[in-house]
Amino acid sequence: MAQQGSAGNVIAAICSFFIPGLGQLFQGRLLRAIIFFVLAIAFWSGSVVIPFLGLIIHVWAIVDAAVYRSR
């Protein structure tokens, strides 16, 4: 699979930039993709403090896709 910093991870990070969890789905990590997507949507649609948590989840999804190393 892809190494850290590879083109696949860059594409996955870009995918997660647009839709949280899409990068993980691109990498074949379905459960993590669902978790990031559901959490980001749940927090983004909240009140004033909650969207800040949505931003944190969204950035976390991007970073997670960018630094992923397959075993």
PDB file of N, CA and C in Angstrom:
ATOM      1  N   MET A   1       0.837  -1.190   0.000  1.00  0.00           N
ATOM      2  CA  MET A   1       0.000   0.000   0.000  1.00  0.00           C
ATOM      3  C   MET A   1       0.875   1.244   0.000  1.00  0.00           C
ATOM      4  N   ALA A   2       0.296   2.395   0.178  1.00  0.00           N
ATOM      5  CA  ALA A   2       1.010   3.669   0.076  1.00  0.00           C
ATOM      6  C   ALA A   2       1.898   3.929   1.285  1.00  0.00           C
ATOM      7  N   GLN A   3       3.017   4.578   1.036  1.00  0.00           N
ATOM      8  CA  GLN A   3       3.917   5.007   2.098  1.00  0.00           C
ATOM      9  C   GLN A   3       3.560   6.431   2.500  1.00  0.00           C
ATOM     10  N   GLN A   4       3.969   6.825   3.695  1.00  0.00           N
ATOM     11  CA  GLN A   4       3.696   8.171   4.160  1.00  0.00           C
ATOM     12  C   GLN A   4       4.317   9.176   3.192  1.00  0.00           C
ATOM     13  N   GLY A   5       3.558  10.187   2.805  1.00  0.00           N
ATOM     14  CA  GLY A   5       4.033  11.192   1.872  1.00  0.00           C
ATOM     15  C   GLY A   5       3.890  10.797   0.412  1.00  0.00           C
ATOM     16  N   SER A   6       3.345   9.631   0.163  1.00  0.00           N
ATOM     17  CA  SER A   6       3.195   9.185  -1.222  1.00  0.00           C
ATOM     18  C   SER A   6       2.043   9.929  -1.889  1.00  0.00           C
ATOM     19  N   ALA A   7       1.972   9.790  -3.195  1.00  0.00           N
ATOM     20  CA  ALA A   7       0.915  10.453  -3.955  1.00  0.00           C
ATOM     21  C   ALA A   7      -0.464   9.991  -3.496  1.00  0.00           C
ATOM     22  N   GLY A   8      -0.593   8.716  -3.130  1.00  0.00           N
ATOM     23  CA  GLY A   8      -1.879   8.204  -2.652  1.00  0.00           C
ATOM     24  C   GLY A   8      -2.334   8.889  -1.382  1.00  0.00           C
ATOM     25  N   ASN A   9      -1.398   9.153  -0.478  1.00  0.00           N
ATOM     26  CA  ASN A   9      -1.753   9.842   0.757  1.00  0.00           C
ATOM     27  C   ASN A   9      -2.099  11.302   0.503  1.00  0.00           C
ATOM     28  N   VAL A  10      -1.426  11.916  -0.445  1.00  0.00           N
ATOM     29  CA  VAL A  10      -1.742  13.311  -0.787  1.00  0.00           C
ATOM     30  C   VAL A  10      -3.146  13.391  -1.370  1.00  0.00           C
ATOM     31  N   ILE A  11      -3.468  12.480  -2.253  1.00  0.00           N
ATOM     32  CA  ILE A  11      -4.821  12.458  -2.830  1.00  0.00           C
ATOM     33  C   ILE A  11      -5.850  12.194  -1.746  1.00  0.00           C
ATOM     34  N   ALA A  12      -5.556  11.272  -0.832  1.00  0.00           N
ATOM     35  CA  ALA A  12      -6.476  10.965   0.261  1.00  0.00           C
ATOM     36  C   ALA A  12      -6.682  12.183   1.160  1.00  0.00           C
ATOM     37  N   ALA A  13      -5.608  12.917   1.446  1.00  0.00           N
ATOM     38  CA  ALA A  13      -5.724  14.113   2.282  1.00  0.00           C
ATOM     39  C   ALA A  13      -6.569  15.176   1.587  1.00  0.00           C
ATOM     40  N   ILE A  14      -6.390  15.321   0.280  1.00  0.00           N
ATOM     41  CA  ILE A  14      -7.201  16.283  -0.476  1.00  0.00           C
ATOM     42  C   ILE A  14      -8.670  15.863  -0.467  1.00  0.00           C
ATOM     43  N   CYS A  15      -8.920  14.577  -0.603  1.00  0.00           N
ATOM     44  CA  CYS A  15     -10.303  14.070  -0.536  1.00  0.00           C
ATOM     45  C   CYS A  15     -10.928  14.381   0.817  1.00  0.00           C
ATOM     46  N   SER A  16     -10.157  14.173   1.894  1.00  0.00           N
ATOM     47  CA  SER A  16     -10.669  14.451   3.236  1.00  0.00           C
ATOM     48  C   SER A  16     -10.843  15.937   3.476  1.00  0.00           C
ATOM     49  N   PHE A  17     -10.108  16.766   2.747  1.00  0.00           N
ATOM     50  CA  PHE A  17     -10.289  18.212   2.860  1.00  0.00           C
ATOM     51  C   PHE A  17     -11.699  18.600   2.423  1.00  0.00           C
ATOM     52  N   PHE A  18     -12.185  17.976   1.354  1.00  0.00           N
ATOM     53  CA  PHE A  18     -13.505  18.306   0.837  1.00  0.00           C
ATOM     54  C   PHE A  18     -14.626  17.618   1.606  1.00  0.00           C
ATOM     55  N   ILE A  19     -14.430  16.356   1.931  1.00  0.00           N
ATOM     56  CA  ILE A  19     -15.437  15.597   2.690  1.00  0.00           C
ATOM     57  C   ILE A  19     -14.693  14.770   3.731  1.00  0.00           C
ATOM     58  N   PRO A  20     -14.907  15.063   5.020  1.00  0.00           N
ATOM     59  CA  PRO A  20     -14.207  14.304   6.052  1.00  0.00           C
ATOM     60  C   PRO A  20     -14.512  12.813   5.937  1.00  0.00           C
ATOM     61  N   GLY A  21     -13.473  12.001   5.941  1.00  0.00           N
ATOM     62  CA  GLY A  21     -13.636  10.555   5.839  1.00  0.00           C
ATOM     63  C   GLY A  21     -13.471  10.018   4.431  1.00  0.00           C
ATOM     64  N   LEU A  22     -13.572  10.880   3.431  1.00  0.00           N
ATOM     65  CA  LEU A  22     -13.445  10.412   2.051  1.00  0.00           C
ATOM     66  C   LEU A  22     -12.035   9.911   1.765  1.00  0.00           C
ATOM     67  N   GLY A  23     -11.042  10.529   2.363  1.00  0.00           N
ATOM     68  CA  GLY A  23      -9.663  10.072   2.186  1.00  0.00           C
ATOM     69  C   GLY A  23      -9.438   8.694   2.772  1.00  0.00           C
ATOM     70  N   GLN A  24     -10.032   8.458   3.945  1.00  0.00           N
ATOM     71  CA  GLN A  24      -9.915   7.139   4.563  1.00  0.00           C
ATOM     72  C   GLN A  24     -10.632   6.099   3.704  1.00  0.00           C
ATOM     73  N   LEU A  25     -11.757   6.468   3.129  1.00  0.00           N
ATOM     74  CA  LEU A  25     -12.476   5.567   2.230  1.00  0.00           C
ATOM     75  C   LEU A  25     -11.618   5.257   1.001  1.00  0.00           C
ATOM     76  N   PHE A  26     -10.959   6.263   0.476  1.00  0.00           N
ATOM     77  CA  PHE A  26     -10.033   6.094  -0.659  1.00  0.00           C
ATOM     78  C   PHE A  26      -8.913   5.118  -0.312  1.00  0.00           C
ATOM     79  N   GLN A  27      -8.482   5.125   0.949  1.00  0.00           N
ATOM     80  CA  GLN A  27      -7.411   4.236   1.401  1.00  0.00           C
ATOM     81  C   GLN A  27      -7.930   2.851   1.784  1.00  0.00           C
ATOM     82  N   GLY A  28      -9.232   2.653   1.740  1.00  0.00           N
ATOM     83  CA  GLY A  28      -9.809   1.357   2.044  1.00  0.00           C
ATOM     84  C   GLY A  28     -10.105   1.143   3.514  1.00  0.00           C
ATOM     85  N   ARG A  29     -10.175   2.198   4.297  1.00  0.00           N
ATOM     86  CA  ARG A  29     -10.442   2.096   5.729  1.00  0.00           C
ATOM     87  C   ARG A  29     -11.881   2.550   5.994  1.00  0.00           C
ATOM     88  N   LEU A  30     -12.818   1.655   5.739  1.00  0.00           N
ATOM     89  CA  LEU A  30     -14.238   1.973   5.769  1.00  0.00           C
ATOM     90  C   LEU A  30     -14.721   2.425   7.146  1.00  0.00           C
ATOM     91  N   LEU A  31     -14.370   1.697   8.197  1.00  0.00           N
ATOM     92  CA  LEU A  31     -14.866   2.036   9.532  1.00  0.00           C
ATOM     93  C   LEU A  31     -14.390   3.420   9.955  1.00  0.00           C
ATOM     94  N   ARG A  32     -13.122   3.715   9.757  1.00  0.00           N
ATOM     95  CA  ARG A  32     -12.583   5.030  10.124  1.00  0.00           C
ATOM     96  C   ARG A  32     -13.240   6.123   9.282  1.00  0.00           C
ATOM     97  N   ALA A  33     -13.507   5.841   8.016  1.00  0.00           N
ATOM     98  CA  ALA A  33     -14.179   6.808   7.142  1.00  0.00           C
ATOM     99  C   ALA A  33     -15.565   7.154   7.667  1.00  0.00           C
ATOM    100  N   ILE A  34     -16.307   6.139   8.061  1.00  0.00           N
ATOM    101  CA  ILE A  34     -17.651   6.363   8.591  1.00  0.00           C
ATOM    102  C   ILE A  34     -17.592   7.164   9.880  1.00  0.00           C
ATOM    103  N   ILE A  35     -16.656   6.831  10.754  1.00  0.00           N
ATOM    104  CA  ILE A  35     -16.531   7.538  12.035  1.00  0.00           C
ATOM    105  C   ILE A  35     -16.213   9.014  11.806  1.00  0.00           C
ATOM    106  N   PHE A  36     -15.226   9.309  10.973  1.00  0.00           N
ATOM    107  CA  PHE A  36     -14.874  10.710  10.714  1.00  0.00           C
ATOM    108  C   PHE A  36     -16.046  11.467  10.088  1.00  0.00           C
ATOM    109  N   PHE A  37     -16.719  10.853   9.142  1.00  0.00           N
ATOM    110  CA  PHE A  37     -17.824  11.522   8.461  1.00  0.00           C
ATOM    111  C   PHE A  37     -18.969  11.824   9.426  1.00  0.00           C
ATOM    112  N   VAL A  38     -19.370  10.829  10.187  1.00  0.00           N
ATOM    113  CA  VAL A  38     -20.501  11.003  11.100  1.00  0.00           C
ATOM    114  C   VAL A  38     -20.173  12.028  12.186  1.00  0.00           C
ATOM    115  N   LEU A  39     -18.975  11.943  12.774  1.00  0.00           N
ATOM    116  CA  LEU A  39     -18.604  12.900  13.816  1.00  0.00           C
ATOM    117  C   LEU A  39     -18.516  14.325  13.277  1.00  0.00           C
ATOM    118  N   ALA A  40     -17.909  14.491  12.119  1.00  0.00           N
ATOM    119  CA  ALA A  40     -17.775  15.834  11.545  1.00  0.00           C
ATOM    120  C   ALA A  40     -19.145  16.431  11.240  1.00  0.00           C
ATOM    121  N   ILE A  41     -20.017  15.656  10.648  1.00  0.00           N
ATOM    122  CA  ILE A  41     -21.366  16.157  10.337  1.00  0.00           C
ATOM    123  C   ILE A  41     -22.127  16.477  11.617  1.00  0.00           C
ATOM    124  N   ALA A  42     -22.025  15.612  12.608  1.00  0.00           N
ATOM    125  CA  ALA A  42     -22.736  15.832  13.865  1.00  0.00           C
ATOM    126  C   ALA A  42     -22.263  17.105  14.561  1.00  0.00           C
ATOM    127  N   PHE A  43     -20.944  17.335  14.564  1.00  0.00           N
ATOM    128  CA  PHE A  43     -20.426  18.517  15.242  1.00  0.00           C
ATOM    129  C   PHE A  43     -20.594  19.786  14.410  1.00  0.00           C
ATOM    130  N   TRP A  44     -20.453  19.701  13.090  1.00  0.00           N
ATOM    131  CA  TRP A  44     -20.615  20.888  12.248  1.00  0.00           C
ATOM    132  C   TRP A  44     -22.034  21.423  12.323  1.00  0.00           C
ATOM    133  N   SER A  45     -23.000  20.566  12.533  1.00  0.00           N
ATOM    134  CA  SER A  45     -24.401  21.006  12.538  1.00  0.00           C
ATOM    135  C   SER A  45     -24.881  21.440  13.912  1.00  0.00           C
ATOM    136  N   GLY A  46     -23.976  21.568  14.882  1.00  0.00           N
ATOM    137  CA  GLY A  46     -24.350  21.934  16.248  1.00  0.00           C
ATOM    138  C   GLY A  46     -24.453  23.432  16.457  1.00  0.00           C
ATOM    139  N   SER A  47     -24.365  23.847  17.714  1.00  0.00           N
ATOM    140  CA  SER A  47     -24.493  25.259  18.074  1.00  0.00           C
ATOM    141  C   SER A  47     -23.158  25.978  17.905  1.00  0.00           C
ATOM    142  N   VAL A  48     -22.841  26.953  18.750  1.00  0.00           N
ATOM    143  CA  VAL A  48     -21.666  27.804  18.576  1.00  0.00           C
ATOM    144  C   VAL A  48     -20.365  27.076  18.891  1.00  0.00           C
ATOM    145  N   VAL A  49     -20.284  26.392  20.014  1.00  0.00           N
ATOM    146  CA  VAL A  49     -19.042  25.724  20.422  1.00  0.00           C
ATOM    147  C   VAL A  49     -18.832  24.440  19.630  1.00  0.00           C
ATOM    148  N   ILE A  50     -19.889  23.768  19.307  1.00  0.00           N
ATOM    149  CA  ILE A  50     -19.802  22.475  18.637  1.00  0.00           C
ATOM    150  C   ILE A  50     -19.146  22.555  17.256  1.00  0.00           C
ATOM    151  N   PRO A  51     -19.408  23.579  16.427  1.00  0.00           N
ATOM    152  CA  PRO A  51     -18.718  23.624  15.127  1.00  0.00           C
ATOM    153  C   PRO A  51     -17.195  23.682  15.253  1.00  0.00           C
ATOM    154  N   PHE A  52     -16.687  24.248  16.337  1.00  0.00           N
ATOM    155  CA  PHE A  52     -15.251  24.240  16.559  1.00  0.00           C
ATOM    156  C   PHE A  52     -14.750  22.801  16.676  1.00  0.00           C
ATOM    157  N   LEU A  53     -15.515  21.951  17.334  1.00  0.00           N
ATOM    158  CA  LEU A  53     -15.155  20.534  17.419  1.00  0.00           C
ATOM    159  C   LEU A  53     -15.259  19.870  16.045  1.00  0.00           C
ATOM    160  N   GLY A  54     -16.218  20.312  15.246  1.00  0.00           N
ATOM    161  CA  GLY A  54     -16.331  19.808  13.881  1.00  0.00           C
ATOM    162  C   GLY A  54     -15.103  20.143  13.062  1.00  0.00           C
ATOM    163  N   LEU A  55     -14.565  21.351  13.266  1.00  0.00           N
ATOM    164  CA  LEU A  55     -13.344  21.752  12.580  1.00  0.00           C
ATOM    165  C   LEU A  55     -12.169  20.884  13.013  1.00  0.00           C
ATOM    166  N   ILE A  56     -12.086  20.598  14.300  1.00  0.00           N
ATOM    167  CA  ILE A  56     -11.009  19.744  14.809  1.00  0.00           C
ATOM    168  C   ILE A  56     -11.103  18.343  14.203  1.00  0.00           C
ATOM    169  N   ILE A  57     -12.287  17.777  14.153  1.00  0.00           N
ATOM    170  CA  ILE A  57     -12.487  16.451  13.558  1.00  0.00           C
ATOM    171  C   ILE A  57     -12.122  16.482  12.074  1.00  0.00           C
ATOM    172  N   HIS A  58     -12.518  17.540  11.389  1.00  0.00           N
ATOM    173  CA  HIS A  58     -12.240  17.667   9.959  1.00  0.00           C
ATOM    174  C   HIS A  58     -10.732  17.715   9.705  1.00  0.00           C
ATOM    175  N   VAL A  59     -10.019  18.530  10.463  1.00  0.00           N
ATOM    176  CA  VAL A  59      -8.562  18.623  10.317  1.00  0.00           C
ATOM    177  C   VAL A  59      -7.906  17.292  10.684  1.00  0.00           C
ATOM    178  N   TRP A  60      -8.415  16.642  11.720  1.00  0.00           N
ATOM    179  CA  TRP A  60      -7.889  15.347  12.133  1.00  0.00           C
ATOM    180  C   TRP A  60      -8.031  14.327  10.992  1.00  0.00           C
ATOM    181  N   ALA A  61      -9.167  14.356  10.302  1.00  0.00           N
ATOM    182  CA  ALA A  61      -9.377  13.433   9.185  1.00  0.00           C
ATOM    183  C   ALA A  61      -8.362  13.688   8.072  1.00  0.00           C
ATOM    184  N   ILE A  62      -8.065  14.957   7.812  1.00  0.00           N
ATOM    185  CA  ILE A  62      -7.084  15.297   6.777  1.00  0.00           C
ATOM    186  C   ILE A  62      -5.702  14.790   7.159  1.00  0.00           C
ATOM    187  N   VAL A  63      -5.298  15.070   8.389  1.00  0.00           N
ATOM    188  CA  VAL A  63      -3.967  14.655   8.855  1.00  0.00           C
ATOM    189  C   VAL A  63      -3.872  13.131   8.900  1.00  0.00           C
ATOM    190  N   ASP A  64      -4.924  12.477   9.372  1.00  0.00           N
ATOM    191  CA  ASP A  64      -4.931  11.016   9.450  1.00  0.00           C
ATOM    192  C   ASP A  64      -4.736  10.389   8.059  1.00  0.00           C
ATOM    193  N   ALA A  65      -5.384  10.963   7.056  1.00  0.00           N
ATOM    194  CA  ALA A  65      -5.227  10.446   5.698  1.00  0.00           C
ATOM    195  C   ALA A  65      -3.825  10.712   5.164  1.00  0.00           C
ATOM    196  N   ALA A  66      -3.252  11.846   5.536  1.00  0.00           N
ATOM    197  CA  ALA A  66      -1.932  12.219   5.016  1.00  0.00           C
ATOM    198  C   ALA A  66      -0.801  11.377   5.595  1.00  0.00           C
ATOM    199  N   VAL A  67      -0.916  10.943   6.842  1.00  0.00           N
ATOM    200  CA  VAL A  67       0.184  10.248   7.490  1.00  0.00           C
ATOM    201  C   VAL A  67      -0.038   8.738   7.594  1.00  0.00           C
ATOM    202  N   TYR A  68      -1.078   8.226   6.994  1.00  0.00           N
ATOM    203  CA  TYR A  68      -1.402   6.799   7.090  1.00  0.00           C
ATOM    204  C   TYR A  68      -0.309   5.946   6.468  1.00  0.00           C
ATOM    205  N   ARG A  69       0.050   4.895   7.179  1.00  0.00           N
ATOM    206  CA  ARG A  69       0.966   3.867   6.666  1.00  0.00           C
ATOM    207  C   ARG A  69       0.284   2.518   6.785  1.00  0.00           C
ATOM    208  N   SER A  70       0.246   1.799   5.703  1.00  0.00           N
ATOM    209  CA  SER A  70      -0.336   0.455   5.778  1.00  0.00           C
ATOM    210  C   SER A  70       0.660  -0.462   6.469  1.00  0.00           C
ATOM    211  N   ARG A  71       0.128  -1.519   7.047  1.00  0.00           N
ATOM    212  CA  ARG A  71       0.987  -2.434   7.809  1.00  0.00           C
ATOM    213  C   ARG A  71       1.566  -3.492   6.950  1.00  0.00           C
TER     214      ARG A  71
END
